[in-house]
Amino acid sequence: MADEYFLLVCDDVPHDVVLTDLGVRVMDVIQVVRRLTGLSLWRSKVLATQVPSVILAGVPEEDAAAAVSALRDAGAQAETREQPQPDLLKH
């Protein structure tokens, strides 16, 4: 039997939240990263200090926008990026 792939068309493309700059208020940003990811304080610090880093991956656009807003309110620079579509149709 031949392998068949189906491309599902969704209304909501998954987004990634990328932290691009930590800013001046480092502890505030680390606390926001901790709240968003559910990681420990130590792991949140490591993730936040290795910029650019993906804080959340594959979340809906509304959740990504809310996370970026929270990070910016804490003094960081962050952005959302659409996840690339898989190239399943190319042979």
Protein backbone atom coordinates (compact mmCIF):
# COMPACT_ATOMS: atom_id res chain seq x y z
CA MET A 1 0.00 0.00 0.00
CA ALA A 2 1.34 3.43 -0.91
CA ASP A 3 1.99 6.03 1.74
CA GLU A 4 -0.57 8.78 1.58
CA TYR A 5 -0.35 12.11 3.36
CA PHE A 6 -3.24 14.42 4.01
CA LEU A 7 -2.75 18.12 4.56
CA LEU A 8 -5.17 19.38 7.17
CA VAL A 9 -6.29 22.95 6.73
CA CYS A 10 -6.69 24.67 10.09
CA ASP A 11 -7.93 28.11 10.93
CA ASP A 12 -5.22 28.57 13.52
CA VAL A 13 -1.58 28.14 12.54
CA PRO A 14 0.63 27.26 15.53
CA HIS A 15 2.91 30.04 16.74
CA ASP A 16 6.14 30.18 18.71
CA VAL A 17 6.92 32.83 21.31
CA VAL A 18 10.55 33.93 20.97
CA LEU A 19 12.36 35.99 23.60
CA THR A 20 14.81 38.23 21.71
CA ASP A 21 16.14 40.50 24.48
CA LEU A 22 15.97 40.12 28.25
CA GLY A 23 15.90 43.83 29.03
CA VAL A 24 16.85 45.60 32.24
CA ARG A 25 14.31 44.05 34.63
CA VAL A 26 15.79 40.56 34.50
CA MET A 27 14.00 39.06 37.52
CA ASP A 28 10.61 40.31 36.35
CA VAL A 29 11.13 38.67 32.96
CA ILE A 30 12.29 35.42 34.58
CA GLN A 31 9.16 35.36 36.74
CA VAL A 32 6.98 35.82 33.64
CA VAL A 33 8.84 33.02 31.85
CA ARG A 34 8.32 30.83 34.90
CA ARG A 35 4.60 31.60 34.97
CA LEU A 36 4.19 30.96 31.22
CA THR A 37 6.16 27.72 31.04
CA GLY A 38 5.61 26.18 34.46
CA LEU A 39 9.34 25.54 34.79
CA SER A 40 11.33 25.92 37.99
CA LEU A 41 12.96 29.25 38.79
CA TRP A 42 16.39 27.89 37.88
CA ARG A 43 15.28 26.49 34.49
CA SER A 44 13.35 29.68 33.73
CA LYS A 45 16.49 31.71 34.40
CA VAL A 46 18.57 29.49 32.12
CA LEU A 47 15.95 29.67 29.36
CA ALA A 48 15.54 33.43 29.64
CA THR A 49 19.26 34.22 29.65
CA GLN A 50 20.02 32.24 26.48
CA VAL A 51 18.45 34.64 24.01
CA PRO A 52 17.09 34.27 21.44
CA SER A 53 15.12 31.41 22.91
CA VAL A 54 11.74 29.85 22.20
CA ILE A 55 9.64 30.25 25.32
CA LEU A 56 6.47 28.59 24.04
CA ALA A 57 6.17 26.42 20.93
CA GLY A 58 3.08 25.50 18.94
CA VAL A 59 0.52 27.60 20.78
CA PRO A 60 -2.54 29.31 19.27
CA GLU A 61 -2.13 32.88 18.03
CA GLU A 62 -4.17 34.39 20.89
CA ASP A 63 -2.08 32.64 23.55
CA ALA A 64 1.13 33.67 21.80
CA ALA A 65 0.00 37.31 21.64
CA ALA A 66 -0.88 37.26 25.35
CA ALA A 67 2.52 35.76 26.23
CA VAL A 68 4.36 38.37 24.16
CA SER A 69 2.36 41.11 25.84
CA ALA A 70 3.23 39.77 29.30
CA LEU A 71 6.93 39.57 28.42
CA ARG A 72 6.92 43.10 27.01
CA ASP A 73 5.16 44.42 30.12
CA ALA A 74 7.97 42.90 32.17
CA GLY A 75 10.55 44.82 30.11
CA ALA A 76 11.69 42.19 27.61
CA GLN A 77 11.55 42.15 23.84
CA ALA A 78 9.63 39.22 22.40
CA GLU A 79 7.89 38.27 19.19
CA THR A 80 5.63 35.62 17.74
CA ARG A 81 6.61 33.51 14.78
CA GLU A 82 4.42 31.20 12.74
CA GLN A 83 5.63 27.65 12.66
CA PRO A 84 6.62 26.58 9.14
CA GLN A 85 4.29 24.25 7.34
CA PRO A 86 5.62 20.74 6.73
CA ASP A 87 6.62 19.92 3.17
CA LEU A 88 4.76 16.64 3.00
CA LEU A 89 3.64 17.05 -0.59
CA LYS A 90 7.14 17.32 -2.05
CA HIS A 91 8.74 14.13 -3.26
